[in-house]
């Protein structure tokens, strides 16, 4: 097998699109959203900028950056996350691990299995024994696998820092401890003994000790503070370090850990509740700055919360599915059996901070803020089972494109208007590639939906459906090739700021126009969506909507069904139940359109 990172040096650089091409795509994407008069106005502004000296200066700046960097976007993309000063509750990703749902299990039985197998995955990454991801025969960038473990987003001014401690075996030593959380208590657990990952019985013994010594809830747990806005948390963390060098060491222990695992004290009723619980269950369930936190509930059900700036969702799912796939048939071990099979019980270390009275009072306030926000979030896991990937393949159609059309149709039926929509496209075929935006609301899709609303003939609707279908696929292909719209516009904005720092003030009038926000720019996409993979019964998750009057829609595609996680704020502007019902209607409708005249 090829070493995991063997192709990194041969990957192509992320391309920089031409300014004219990007503007052309952008103006086309506006037509379903803005009026004819508004479109004419912004077209004039965009054409003027495209041909202006200012436009050339900004594009030249980007071309210079592109010529001296294998990924001209990378540092700016991380900045897009680390400069966001909102709470991580609205930035982090939550997910559930369905393969871990096993009968006749115990919390500690499942948790010990997860730790053991995740550490084996960590070891495989260290040895470069994770298979190189390929798509259509093309090698993908594997840097996100490298960044998975031993990472933390540390609050700071004016932007956070993503700190990474991982390295491969050939690069040197690497921290091998994890952090276990229980009732607000924090424990450091080294997972290696003589260079070998602890076995399941040994880990189980450790967790039993931790649980025994964490019976009483730590009401003063600093875990709660990680849910604050980033400036507030940075201030408190900095004051704690100034007050005590011991606190600095404790923070480094957590930051450098491979990952966090929580033994939670709760049960949930269903998948929707578990999905919401992954982020909004308890302010003591996660150290939210960490690369990822596994949370195991009392009945052994497992979910996770992850800081999203470090890596993308699908990269996080792979180790969790790997761990669940390795589970023994019955991970429930009696205490007696565990003790007999464990040769030794490694020691654990309590991670304790020295707190002032002002910090303690802030912890109590933070808990109230956490539950106030939690009460406003609605999360719905929905399984659509009237068709799936098998049907789509039989018709030589992409299921993802069908779902994107259905999401827009569902929004229209719910709100009687079209929505600017964001779909994630992967750019991992390029060096350190992350994502690009697909603006899925195309003029062809708007025409198709108008025909549906006006009860056009079946033949007309089918023709317009396939026009919309093909338009989406063209946009997706361009985005995967690094020729989207929104990352280029981010580059223009960052170039504008860079030149401004040298005293040269440049404006971008067409991006300052209200039409940009109306079309989703500046964080205003009413539908934020992403495809989460094909793994049957695999890990899947969500983030909260980009806008408080919008929806999040994240989906897994399987042979006979689609699994959605739909999120929205409880608000007069949205209706999660109605949106879900209209999504089901839209998918059924599209299936009938596809079958027309067959």
Protein backbone atom coordinates (compact mmCIF):
# COMPACT_ATOMS: atom_id res chain seq x y z
CA UNK A 1 0.00 0.00 0.00
CA UNK A 2 1.20 3.51 -0.81
CA UNK A 3 2.16 5.59 2.26
CA UNK A 4 -0.70 7.92 3.22
CA UNK A 5 1.14 11.14 2.43
CA UNK A 6 3.25 9.90 -0.48
CA UNK A 7 1.44 11.93 -3.15
CA UNK A 8 1.34 15.28 -1.35
CA UNK A 9 4.27 16.77 -3.28
CA UNK A 10 2.84 15.78 -6.65
CA UNK A 11 -0.67 17.19 -6.16
CA UNK A 12 -1.58 20.14 -8.41
CA UNK A 13 -1.78 23.62 -6.90
CA UNK A 14 -5.19 25.16 -6.29
CA UNK A 15 -6.00 27.13 -9.47
CA UNK A 16 -7.03 30.77 -9.48
CA UNK A 17 -10.11 31.46 -11.66
CA UNK A 18 -10.16 34.31 -14.15
CA UNK A 19 -12.01 37.43 -12.99
CA UNK A 20 -14.24 37.63 -16.07
CA UNK A 21 -15.32 33.99 -15.77
CA UNK A 22 -16.16 34.31 -12.05
CA UNK A 23 -18.17 37.49 -12.56
CA UNK A 24 -20.08 35.86 -15.44
CA UNK A 25 -21.06 32.93 -13.22
CA UNK A 26 -22.01 35.24 -10.39
CA UNK A 27 -24.31 37.42 -12.50
CA UNK A 28 -26.01 34.31 -13.84
CA UNK A 29 -26.61 33.09 -10.28
CA UNK A 30 -28.31 36.38 -9.38
CA UNK A 31 -31.14 36.23 -11.90
CA UNK A 32 -33.48 33.99 -9.82
CA UNK A 33 -32.98 36.18 -6.72
CA UNK A 34 -33.03 39.85 -7.78
CA UNK A 35 -35.34 41.90 -9.98
CA UNK A 36 -34.54 42.66 -13.61
CA UNK A 37 -33.72 46.26 -12.70
CA UNK A 38 -31.43 45.21 -9.85
CA UNK A 39 -29.69 42.72 -12.12
CA UNK A 40 -29.05 45.38 -14.76
CA UNK A 41 -27.63 47.69 -12.08
CA UNK A 42 -25.26 45.15 -10.55
CA UNK A 43 -24.24 43.91 -14.02
CA UNK A 44 -23.14 47.44 -14.83
CA UNK A 45 -21.16 47.66 -11.58
CA UNK A 46 -19.53 44.27 -12.14
CA UNK A 47 -18.55 44.94 -15.76
CA UNK A 48 -17.09 48.30 -14.79
CA UNK A 49 -15.03 46.69 -12.01
CA UNK A 50 -13.90 43.86 -14.26
CA UNK A 51 -12.40 46.33 -16.74
CA UNK A 52 -11.12 48.84 -14.17
CA UNK A 53 -7.61 49.38 -12.86
CA UNK A 54 -8.86 48.41 -9.39
CA UNK A 55 -10.15 45.10 -10.69
CA UNK A 56 -6.83 44.38 -12.39
CA UNK A 57 -4.86 45.33 -9.25
CA UNK A 58 -6.80 42.92 -7.05
CA UNK A 59 -6.63 40.09 -9.57
CA UNK A 60 -2.91 40.73 -10.06
CA UNK A 61 -2.44 40.54 -6.30
CA UNK A 62 -4.16 37.15 -6.31
CA UNK A 63 -2.10 35.98 -9.28
CA UNK A 64 1.10 36.92 -7.44
CA UNK A 65 -0.05 35.03 -4.34
CA UNK A 66 -1.05 32.06 -6.49
CA UNK A 67 2.38 32.01 -8.20
CA UNK A 68 4.20 31.86 -4.85
CA UNK A 69 1.90 29.42 -3.01
CA UNK A 70 0.58 25.95 -3.79
CA UNK A 71 -2.73 26.96 -2.26
CA UNK A 72 -3.39 30.70 -2.53
CA UNK A 73 -6.56 30.36 -0.41
CA UNK A 74 -5.32 28.26 2.52
CA UNK A 75 -4.34 30.88 5.11
CA UNK A 76 -7.35 33.05 4.29
CA UNK A 77 -9.69 30.06 4.58
CA UNK A 78 -8.43 29.29 8.07
CA UNK A 79 -8.83 32.97 8.90
CA UNK A 80 -12.48 32.78 7.85
CA UNK A 81 -12.98 30.38 10.77
CA UNK A 82 -10.57 31.79 13.34
CA UNK A 83 -11.74 35.40 12.95
CA UNK A 84 -15.35 34.38 13.65
CA UNK A 85 -15.95 35.59 17.20
CA UNK A 86 -19.29 33.85 17.76
CA UNK A 87 -19.69 30.93 20.16
CA UNK A 88 -18.47 27.58 18.82
CA UNK A 89 -21.97 26.27 19.48
CA UNK A 90 -22.94 27.87 16.17
CA UNK A 91 -19.70 26.88 14.42
CA UNK A 92 -18.91 23.33 15.56
CA UNK A 93 -20.21 20.21 13.89
CA UNK A 94 -22.27 17.60 15.72
CA UNK A 95 -22.73 14.00 14.57
CA UNK A 96 -23.89 10.56 15.65
CA UNK A 97 -22.15 7.21 15.17
CA UNK A 98 -24.96 4.75 14.27
CA UNK A 99 -22.68 1.71 14.08
CA UNK A 100 -21.96 2.09 17.79
CA UNK A 101 -25.64 1.49 18.66
CA UNK A 102 -25.47 -2.06 20.01
CA UNK A 103 -27.76 -4.01 22.30
CA UNK A 104 -26.57 -5.49 25.59
CA UNK A 105 -23.83 -2.92 25.95
CA UNK A 106 -22.58 -0.68 28.72
CA UNK A 107 -21.37 2.88 28.55
CA UNK A 108 -17.87 1.97 29.66
CA UNK A 109 -17.84 -1.09 27.38
CA UNK A 110 -18.54 1.06 24.32
CA UNK A 111 -16.26 3.90 25.45
CA UNK A 112 -13.29 1.59 26.00
CA UNK A 113 -13.80 0.07 22.54
CA UNK A 114 -13.96 3.52 20.91
CA UNK A 115 -10.78 4.69 22.64
CA UNK A 116 -8.86 1.53 21.73
CA UNK A 117 -9.84 1.55 18.06
CA UNK A 118 -9.48 5.31 17.58
CA UNK A 119 -5.98 5.07 18.99
CA UNK A 120 -5.27 2.23 16.54
CA UNK A 121 -6.43 4.56 13.74
CA UNK A 122 -4.14 7.28 15.15
CA UNK A 123 -1.28 4.75 15.06
CA UNK A 124 -2.07 3.89 11.43
CA UNK A 125 -1.94 7.57 10.50
CA UNK A 126 1.37 7.89 12.35
CA UNK A 127 2.68 4.93 10.31
CA UNK A 128 1.15 6.28 7.06
CA UNK A 129 -0.97 3.17 6.66
CA UNK A 130 -4.29 4.88 5.89
CA UNK A 131 -5.20 4.32 2.25
CA UNK A 132 -4.90 7.34 -0.03
CA UNK A 133 -8.37 8.63 -0.91
CA UNK A 134 -9.13 8.64 -4.63
CA UNK A 135 -12.02 10.02 -6.65
CA UNK A 136 -12.53 8.88 -10.25
CA UNK A 137 -8.92 7.62 -10.24
CA UNK A 138 -7.47 10.91 -8.98
CA UNK A 139 -5.48 11.07 -5.73
CA UNK A 140 -6.89 13.42 -3.12
CA UNK A 141 -5.01 15.61 -0.69
CA UNK A 142 -4.51 13.80 2.63
CA UNK A 143 -3.51 16.74 4.83
CA UNK A 144 -6.84 16.62 6.65
CA UNK A 145 -6.00 13.09 7.81
CA UNK A 146 -2.71 14.47 9.12
CA UNK A 147 -4.58 17.26 10.95
CA UNK A 148 -7.26 15.02 12.50
CA UNK A 149 -5.63 14.34 15.86
CA UNK A 150 -3.74 16.28 18.55
CA UNK A 151 -5.24 19.62 17.51
CA UNK A 152 -7.03 22.49 19.21
CA UNK A 153 -8.48 25.89 18.30
CA UNK A 154 -7.14 28.18 21.02
CA UNK A 155 -9.04 31.44 21.66
CA UNK A 156 -6.91 34.52 21.01
CA UNK A 157 -7.02 38.09 19.71
CA UNK A 158 -7.73 39.21 17.04
CA UNK A 159 -8.19 35.68 15.78
CA UNK A 160 -7.94 32.20 17.27
CA UNK A 161 -4.96 29.91 16.73
CA UNK A 162 -5.24 26.36 15.43
CA UNK A 163 -2.52 24.50 17.33
CA UNK A 164 -1.35 21.11 16.08
CA UNK A 165 0.89 18.63 17.89
CA UNK A 166 0.60 15.59 15.60
CA UNK A 167 3.49 14.12 13.65
CA UNK A 168 4.18 10.83 11.89
CA UNK A 169 6.57 8.24 13.30
CA UNK A 170 9.23 9.26 10.77
CA UNK A 171 8.93 12.88 11.94
CA UNK A 172 9.38 12.09 15.64
CA UNK A 173 7.47 11.66 18.88
CA UNK A 174 3.89 12.79 19.36
CA UNK A 175 1.64 13.20 22.43
CA UNK A 176 -0.27 9.93 22.95
CA UNK A 177 -2.61 10.89 25.79
CA UNK A 178 -6.32 11.52 25.54
CA UNK A 179 -8.57 13.58 27.80
CA UNK A 180 -11.58 11.93 29.44
CA UNK A 181 -14.43 14.13 30.72
CA UNK A 182 -16.97 12.99 33.31
CA UNK A 183 -19.45 15.19 35.21
CA UNK A 184 -17.32 18.24 34.46
CA UNK A 185 -14.12 16.59 35.73
CA UNK A 186 -11.13 16.39 33.38
CA UNK A 187 -8.66 13.49 33.32
CA UNK A 188 -5.47 12.86 31.38
CA UNK A 189 -5.04 9.25 30.24
CA UNK A 190 -1.95 8.01 28.42
CA UNK A 191 -3.05 5.37 25.95
CA UNK A 192 0.28 3.75 25.17
CA UNK A 193 2.32 1.34 27.26
CA UNK A 194 5.75 0.41 25.91
CA UNK A 195 4.70 1.89 22.57
CA UNK A 196 1.56 -0.26 22.28
CA UNK A 197 -2.04 0.94 22.50
CA UNK A 198 -3.70 -0.21 25.73
CA UNK A 199 -6.09 -3.11 25.24
CA UNK A 200 -9.82 -2.80 25.87
CA UNK A 201 -9.79 -4.31 29.40
CA UNK A 202 -6.99 -1.97 30.47
CA UNK A 203 -8.87 1.06 29.15
CA UNK A 204 -12.04 -0.16 30.80
CA UNK A 205 -10.26 -0.31 34.16
CA UNK A 206 -9.14 3.30 33.73
CA UNK A 207 -12.67 4.45 32.88
CA UNK A 208 -14.05 2.65 35.92
CA UNK A 209 -11.56 4.51 38.12
CA UNK A 210 -12.45 7.84 36.49
CA UNK A 211 -16.17 7.27 36.89
CA UNK A 212 -15.76 6.29 40.55
CA UNK A 213 -13.82 9.48 41.27
CA UNK A 214 -16.17 11.75 39.27
CA UNK A 215 -19.46 10.94 41.00
CA UNK A 216 -20.10 14.48 42.16
CA UNK A 217 -20.64 17.04 39.40
CA UNK A 218 -18.00 19.75 39.19
CA UNK A 219 -20.16 22.85 39.02
CA UNK A 220 -17.04 24.98 38.52
CA UNK A 221 -15.86 23.11 35.43
CA UNK A 222 -13.99 25.29 32.96
CA UNK A 223 -15.48 23.15 30.16
CA UNK A 224 -18.52 25.42 30.21
CA UNK A 225 -16.39 28.45 29.36
CA UNK A 226 -15.46 26.97 25.98
CA UNK A 227 -19.04 27.69 24.85
CA UNK A 228 -18.60 31.45 25.28
CA UNK A 229 -18.04 33.88 22.43
CA UNK A 230 -14.41 33.72 21.38
CA UNK A 231 -13.39 37.15 22.71
CA UNK A 232 -14.93 36.44 26.11
CA UNK A 233 -13.29 33.03 26.35
CA UNK A 234 -9.94 34.42 25.19
CA UNK A 235 -10.07 37.08 27.92
CA UNK A 236 -10.86 34.57 30.66
CA UNK A 237 -8.29 32.04 29.47
CA UNK A 238 -5.60 34.70 29.30
CA UNK A 239 -6.41 35.91 32.84
CA UNK A 240 -6.25 32.32 34.14
CA UNK A 241 -2.80 31.85 32.62
CA UNK A 242 -1.59 35.19 34.01
CA UNK A 243 -2.77 34.15 37.47
CA UNK A 244 -1.05 30.75 37.39
CA UNK A 245 1.63 29.01 35.33
CA UNK A 246 -0.03 25.76 36.48
CA UNK A 247 -3.11 26.70 34.46
CA UNK A 248 -0.94 27.12 31.37
CA UNK A 249 0.30 23.53 31.76
CA UNK A 250 -3.26 22.25 32.18
CA UNK A 251 -4.39 24.01 29.00
CA UNK A 252 -1.45 22.51 27.10
CA UNK A 253 -2.39 19.05 28.37
CA UNK A 254 -5.85 19.41 26.83
CA UNK A 255 -4.70 21.14 23.65
CA UNK A 256 -2.11 18.49 22.82
CA UNK A 257 -4.35 15.48 23.57
CA UNK A 258 -5.16 13.09 20.71
CA UNK A 259 -8.89 13.69 21.32
CA UNK A 260 -11.46 14.03 24.12
CA UNK A 261 -13.99 11.42 25.23
CA UNK A 262 -16.92 12.16 27.55
CA UNK A 263 -18.81 9.76 29.80
CA UNK A 264 -22.15 11.58 29.77
CA UNK A 265 -24.79 11.15 32.43
CA UNK A 266 -27.85 11.17 30.18
CA UNK A 267 -30.15 9.12 27.98
CA UNK A 268 -31.94 10.34 24.85
CA UNK A 269 -35.10 9.06 23.20
CA UNK A 270 -34.24 9.01 19.49
CA UNK A 271 -31.76 9.94 16.76
CA UNK A 272 -32.99 13.52 16.50
CA UNK A 273 -32.47 14.09 20.21
CA UNK A 274 -29.05 12.42 20.08
CA UNK A 275 -28.01 14.56 17.14
CA UNK A 276 -28.98 17.76 18.94
CA UNK A 277 -27.37 16.44 22.13
CA UNK A 278 -23.99 16.18 20.37
CA UNK A 279 -23.67 19.97 20.55
CA UNK A 280 -26.46 21.17 22.83
CA UNK A 281 -26.76 18.41 25.44
CA UNK A 282 -24.67 19.88 28.24
CA UNK A 283 -22.05 22.64 28.52
CA UNK A 284 -19.81 20.11 30.33
CA UNK A 285 -19.95 17.50 27.53
CA UNK A 286 -17.06 18.81 25.45
CA UNK A 287 -13.96 20.94 25.44
CA UNK A 288 -15.35 22.73 22.39
CA UNK A 289 -12.00 24.01 21.17
CA UNK A 290 -10.73 20.45 20.58
CA UNK A 291 -10.33 18.76 17.21
CA UNK A 292 -13.04 16.33 18.24
CA UNK A 293 -14.91 15.14 21.28
CA UNK A 294 -16.55 11.70 21.43
CA UNK A 295 -19.56 11.64 23.78
CA UNK A 296 -20.85 8.29 25.09
CA UNK A 297 -24.22 8.32 26.83
CA UNK A 298 -25.31 6.08 29.71
CA UNK A 299 -26.79 3.45 27.38
CA UNK A 300 -23.67 3.36 25.17
CA UNK A 301 -25.01 5.46 22.30
CA UNK A 302 -22.23 7.61 20.89
CA UNK A 303 -22.09 11.00 19.24
CA UNK A 304 -19.36 13.51 18.59
CA UNK A 305 -18.71 17.22 18.46
CA UNK A 306 -15.86 18.67 16.40
CA UNK A 307 -14.28 22.04 15.78
CA UNK A 308 -15.01 22.63 12.11
CA UNK A 309 -12.15 24.93 11.14
CA UNK A 310 -9.52 22.25 11.59
CA UNK A 311 -10.85 19.70 9.06
CA UNK A 312 -14.02 19.02 7.07
CA UNK A 313 -16.84 16.71 8.17
CA UNK A 314 -16.18 13.63 6.06
CA UNK A 315 -12.57 13.50 7.28
CA UNK A 316 -13.87 13.35 10.87
CA UNK A 317 -16.35 10.57 10.11
CA UNK A 318 -13.75 8.12 8.77
CA UNK A 319 -11.99 7.32 12.09
CA UNK A 320 -15.31 7.07 13.93
CA UNK A 321 -16.72 4.58 11.41
CA UNK A 322 -13.41 2.70 11.50
CA UNK A 323 -13.64 2.38 15.29
CA UNK A 324 -17.26 1.24 15.20
CA UNK A 325 -16.48 -1.34 12.50
CA UNK A 326 -13.89 -2.93 14.79
CA UNK A 327 -16.27 -3.47 17.72
CA UNK A 328 -16.42 -6.95 19.13
CA UNK A 329 -19.72 -8.81 18.88
CA UNK A 330 -20.48 -8.10 22.52
CA UNK A 331 -18.41 -5.28 24.04
CA UNK A 332 -20.15 -5.65 27.41
CA UNK A 333 -17.56 -7.02 29.79
CA UNK A 334 -18.30 -7.69 33.42
CA UNK A 335 -16.07 -5.99 35.93
CA UNK A 336 -14.74 -9.36 37.07
CA UNK A 337 -13.77 -10.43 33.55
CA UNK A 338 -12.13 -7.11 32.85
CA UNK A 339 -9.93 -7.29 35.92
CA UNK A 340 -8.88 -10.85 35.12
CA UNK A 341 -7.88 -9.97 31.57
CA UNK A 342 -6.02 -6.78 32.38
CA UNK A 343 -2.35 -7.24 33.16
CA UNK A 344 -2.05 -3.82 34.75
CA UNK A 345 -3.95 -0.64 35.37
CA UNK A 346 -2.07 2.43 34.13
CA UNK A 347 -2.38 5.54 36.25
CA UNK A 348 -4.55 8.51 35.38
CA UNK A 349 -3.98 12.15 36.19
CA UNK A 350 -6.61 14.72 37.19
CA UNK A 351 -6.48 17.98 35.22
CA UNK A 352 -7.39 20.72 37.68
CA UNK A 353 -7.33 24.48 37.27
CA UNK A 354 -6.80 27.21 39.85
CA UNK A 355 -9.83 29.51 39.64
CA UNK A 356 -10.53 32.97 40.99
CA UNK A 357 -13.96 34.00 42.26
CA UNK A 358 -14.64 36.07 39.15
CA UNK A 359 -14.03 33.07 36.89
CA UNK A 360 -16.31 30.88 39.02
CA UNK A 361 -19.15 33.39 38.78
CA UNK A 362 -18.67 33.56 35.03
CA UNK A 363 -18.99 29.77 34.77
CA UNK A 364 -22.46 29.93 36.36
CA UNK A 365 -23.58 32.67 33.92
CA UNK A 366 -22.25 30.70 30.96
CA UNK A 367 -24.40 27.67 31.76
CA UNK A 368 -27.55 29.82 31.58
CA UNK A 369 -26.48 31.21 28.20
CA UNK A 370 -25.81 27.71 26.90
CA UNK A 371 -29.29 26.42 27.68
CA UNK A 372 -30.92 29.62 26.43
CA UNK A 373 -29.37 29.03 23.01
CA UNK A 374 -30.04 25.29 23.15
CA UNK A 375 -33.75 25.93 23.66
CA UNK A 376 -33.85 27.83 20.35
CA UNK A 377 -32.38 25.06 18.18
CA UNK A 378 -34.45 22.42 16.39
CA UNK A 379 -32.75 19.30 14.95
CA UNK A 380 -34.59 16.63 13.00
CA UNK A 381 -33.08 13.38 11.68
CA UNK A 382 -35.25 12.23 8.80
CA UNK A 383 -34.99 9.02 6.76
CA UNK A 384 -36.53 9.23 3.30
CA UNK A 385 -37.05 5.69 2.00
CA UNK A 386 -39.15 5.93 -1.18
CA UNK A 387 -36.00 5.63 -3.30
CA UNK A 388 -32.23 5.94 -2.96
CA UNK A 389 -28.96 5.61 -4.84
CA UNK A 390 -29.93 2.32 -6.51
CA UNK A 391 -32.90 3.93 -8.28
CA UNK A 392 -30.79 6.93 -9.29
CA UNK A 393 -28.04 4.73 -10.74
CA UNK A 394 -30.63 2.74 -12.70
CA UNK A 395 -31.64 6.03 -14.36
CA UNK A 396 -27.99 7.15 -14.70
CA UNK A 397 -28.64 10.14 -12.43
CA UNK A 398 -26.70 11.67 -9.53
CA UNK A 399 -28.69 11.44 -6.30
CA UNK A 400 -26.95 14.54 -4.93
CA UNK A 401 -28.31 16.71 -7.75
CA UNK A 402 -31.83 15.37 -7.24
CA UNK A 403 -31.63 16.19 -3.53
CA UNK A 404 -30.44 19.74 -4.24
CA UNK A 405 -33.41 20.34 -6.53
CA UNK A 406 -35.76 18.87 -3.92
CA UNK A 407 -34.38 21.10 -1.15
CA UNK A 408 -35.09 24.24 -3.16
CA UNK A 409 -38.54 22.94 -4.09
CA UNK A 410 -39.27 22.23 -0.41
CA UNK A 411 -38.21 25.74 0.59
CA UNK A 412 -40.43 27.27 -2.09
CA UNK A 413 -43.43 25.25 -0.94
CA UNK A 414 -42.76 26.23 2.69
CA UNK A 415 -42.08 29.95 2.23
CA UNK A 416 -43.47 30.82 -1.22
CA UNK A 417 -40.12 32.21 -2.36
CA UNK A 418 -36.76 30.95 -3.59
CA UNK A 419 -33.73 30.71 -1.30
CA UNK A 420 -30.05 31.40 -1.90
CA UNK A 421 -28.53 27.98 -1.29
CA UNK A 422 -24.99 26.83 -0.48
CA UNK A 423 -23.78 23.32 -1.26
CA UNK A 424 -20.29 22.19 -0.36
CA UNK A 425 -18.03 20.89 -3.13
CA UNK A 426 -14.69 19.28 -2.30
CA UNK A 427 -11.48 20.65 -3.82
CA UNK A 428 -9.29 17.94 -2.29
CA UNK A 429 -7.80 16.94 -5.62
CA UNK A 430 -5.61 20.03 -5.16
CA UNK A 431 -2.84 20.57 -2.63
CA UNK A 432 -4.41 21.30 0.80
CA UNK A 433 -7.78 21.71 -0.91
CA UNK A 434 -10.84 22.11 1.32
CA UNK A 435 -14.16 23.21 -0.18
CA UNK A 436 -15.86 25.51 -2.66
CA UNK A 437 -19.43 26.77 -2.73
CA UNK A 438 -21.94 25.58 -5.31
CA UNK A 439 -24.73 28.15 -5.68
CA UNK A 440 -27.38 25.57 -6.48
CA UNK A 441 -30.20 27.97 -7.34
CA UNK A 442 -29.71 28.32 -11.07
CA UNK A 443 -31.92 30.10 -13.65
CA UNK A 444 -32.83 26.67 -15.05
CA UNK A 445 -33.92 25.47 -11.60
CA UNK A 446 -36.07 28.58 -11.17
CA UNK A 447 -37.76 27.86 -14.53
CA UNK A 448 -38.43 24.25 -13.54
CA UNK A 449 -39.98 25.29 -10.22
CA UNK A 450 -42.10 27.94 -11.91
CA UNK A 451 -43.42 25.30 -14.30
CA UNK A 452 -44.27 23.03 -11.35
CA UNK A 453 -46.10 25.85 -9.58
CA UNK A 454 -48.04 26.69 -12.74
CA UNK A 455 -49.05 23.06 -13.39
CA UNK A 456 -47.31 22.83 -16.77
CA UNK A 457 -47.58 19.64 -18.79
CA UNK A 458 -45.68 16.58 -17.59
CA UNK A 459 -43.47 16.67 -20.68
CA UNK A 460 -42.57 20.35 -20.12
CA UNK A 461 -41.79 19.75 -16.46
CA UNK A 462 -39.57 16.78 -17.31
CA UNK A 463 -37.66 18.76 -19.94
CA UNK A 464 -37.11 21.66 -17.53
CA UNK A 465 -36.13 19.27 -14.74
CA UNK A 466 -33.29 17.87 -16.83
CA UNK A 467 -32.19 21.39 -17.78
CA UNK A 468 -31.94 22.18 -14.06
CA UNK A 469 -30.24 18.84 -13.39
CA UNK A 470 -27.56 19.46 -16.02
CA UNK A 471 -26.98 23.06 -14.90
CA UNK A 472 -26.29 21.91 -11.36
CA UNK A 473 -23.84 19.26 -12.52
CA UNK A 474 -21.95 21.85 -14.59
CA UNK A 475 -21.62 24.09 -11.53
CA UNK A 476 -20.51 21.20 -9.34
CA UNK A 477 -17.82 20.14 -11.84
CA UNK A 478 -16.53 23.71 -12.02
CA UNK A 479 -16.44 24.04 -8.23
CA UNK A 480 -14.52 20.77 -7.84
CA UNK A 481 -12.05 22.10 -10.40
CA UNK A 482 -11.47 25.19 -8.24
CA UNK A 483 -13.51 27.41 -10.56
CA UNK A 484 -16.36 28.46 -8.29
CA UNK A 485 -17.47 31.92 -7.24
CA UNK A 486 -17.32 32.44 -3.51
CA UNK A 487 -13.72 31.48 -2.74
CA UNK A 488 -12.54 33.82 -5.51
CA UNK A 489 -14.63 36.63 -4.05
CA UNK A 490 -13.13 35.91 -0.62
CA UNK A 491 -9.73 36.28 -2.25
CA UNK A 492 -10.72 39.64 -3.74
CA UNK A 493 -11.87 40.86 -0.33
CA UNK A 494 -8.68 39.70 1.38
CA UNK A 495 -6.56 41.29 -1.36
CA UNK A 496 -8.52 44.50 -0.84
CA UNK A 497 -7.67 44.43 2.89
CA UNK A 498 -4.01 43.62 2.19
CA UNK A 499 -3.62 46.57 -0.19
CA UNK A 500 -5.50 48.80 2.24
CA UNK A 501 -2.90 47.94 4.92
CA UNK A 502 -0.33 49.49 2.55
CA UNK A 503 -2.40 52.66 2.27
CA UNK A 504 -4.11 51.85 -1.03
CA UNK A 505 -7.89 52.04 -0.71
CA UNK A 506 -9.80 50.03 -3.33
CA UNK A 507 -13.55 49.49 -3.49
CA UNK A 508 -15.48 46.57 -5.00
CA UNK A 509 -18.85 48.22 -5.72
CA UNK A 510 -20.67 45.18 -7.07
CA UNK A 511 -19.88 43.21 -3.87
CA UNK A 512 -20.96 46.16 -1.72
CA UNK A 513 -24.32 46.21 -3.50
CA UNK A 514 -27.27 44.73 -1.52
CA UNK A 515 -27.68 42.07 -4.21
CA UNK A 516 -24.58 40.28 -2.91
CA UNK A 517 -26.11 39.66 0.52
CA UNK A 518 -29.47 38.88 -1.08
CA UNK A 519 -27.82 36.10 -3.08
CA UNK A 520 -26.21 34.53 0.01
CA UNK A 521 -22.98 36.50 0.31
CA UNK A 522 -21.71 37.76 3.68
CA UNK A 523 -23.11 34.65 5.39
CA UNK A 524 -26.67 34.98 4.15
CA UNK A 525 -27.41 31.63 2.49
CA UNK A 526 -30.89 30.64 3.67
CA UNK A 527 -30.17 27.01 2.86
CA UNK A 528 -26.76 25.69 3.96
CA UNK A 529 -26.33 22.13 2.73
CA UNK A 530 -23.76 19.39 2.36
CA UNK A 531 -23.48 15.79 1.16
CA UNK A 532 -21.95 13.59 3.88
CA UNK A 533 -21.06 10.38 2.06
CA UNK A 534 -22.35 6.99 0.96
CA UNK A 535 -21.34 4.81 3.93
CA UNK A 536 -24.28 2.57 4.82
CA UNK A 537 -25.27 3.31 8.39
CA UNK A 538 -22.19 5.52 8.64
CA UNK A 539 -21.50 8.57 10.75
CA UNK A 540 -23.48 11.68 9.79
CA UNK A 541 -24.08 15.08 11.32
CA UNK A 542 -24.99 18.75 11.07
CA UNK A 543 -24.23 22.35 11.95
CA UNK A 544 -26.77 25.00 12.84
CA UNK A 545 -28.13 27.06 9.93
CA UNK A 546 -25.99 29.87 8.55
CA UNK A 547 -28.90 32.28 9.07
CA UNK A 548 -31.39 32.45 11.92
CA UNK A 549 -34.20 32.56 9.33
CA UNK A 550 -32.77 29.67 7.31
CA UNK A 551 -32.24 25.90 7.42
CA UNK A 552 -29.34 23.50 7.53
CA UNK A 553 -29.76 20.33 5.46
CA UNK A 554 -27.05 17.66 5.60
CA UNK A 555 -27.53 14.27 4.03
CA UNK A 556 -26.12 10.79 3.51
CA UNK A 557 -26.97 8.85 0.36
CA UNK A 558 -27.51 5.10 0.68
CA UNK A 559 -28.79 2.38 -1.64
CA UNK A 560 -32.47 2.52 -0.68
CA UNK A 561 -32.83 5.76 1.26
CA UNK A 562 -31.54 9.25 2.00
CA UNK A 563 -30.82 10.28 5.58
CA UNK A 564 -31.16 13.98 6.38
CA UNK A 565 -30.28 16.07 9.39
CA UNK A 566 -32.38 19.23 9.19
CA UNK A 567 -31.66 22.12 11.55
CA UNK A 568 -33.38 25.43 12.15
CA UNK A 569 -33.98 28.00 14.85
CA UNK A 570 -37.35 27.95 16.61
CA UNK A 571 -38.55 31.19 15.12
CA UNK A 572 -41.55 32.65 13.33
CA UNK A 573 -39.43 32.78 10.16
CA UNK A 574 -38.90 29.01 9.90
CA UNK A 575 -40.92 25.83 10.30
CA UNK A 576 -38.82 22.67 10.55
CA UNK A 577 -41.72 20.22 10.47
CA UNK A 578 -43.34 21.79 7.43
CA UNK A 579 -40.01 21.97 5.62
CA UNK A 580 -39.43 18.25 6.27
CA UNK A 581 -42.91 17.36 4.98
CA UNK A 582 -42.36 19.44 1.86
CA UNK A 583 -38.97 17.81 1.31
CA UNK A 584 -40.67 14.41 1.27
CA UNK A 585 -43.31 15.72 -1.14
CA UNK A 586 -40.60 17.18 -3.40
CA UNK A 587 -38.57 13.98 -3.59
CA UNK A 588 -41.71 11.97 -4.39
CA UNK A 589 -42.66 14.53 -7.04
CA UNK A 590 -39.23 14.39 -8.66
CA UNK A 591 -39.31 10.59 -8.78
CA UNK A 592 -42.61 10.81 -10.67
CA UNK A 593 -41.13 13.41 -13.03
CA UNK A 594 -38.21 11.09 -13.80
CA UNK A 595 -40.64 8.22 -14.51
CA UNK A 596 -42.86 10.33 -16.80
CA UNK A 597 -43.51 8.53 -20.11
CA UNK A 598 -41.45 5.49 -19.11
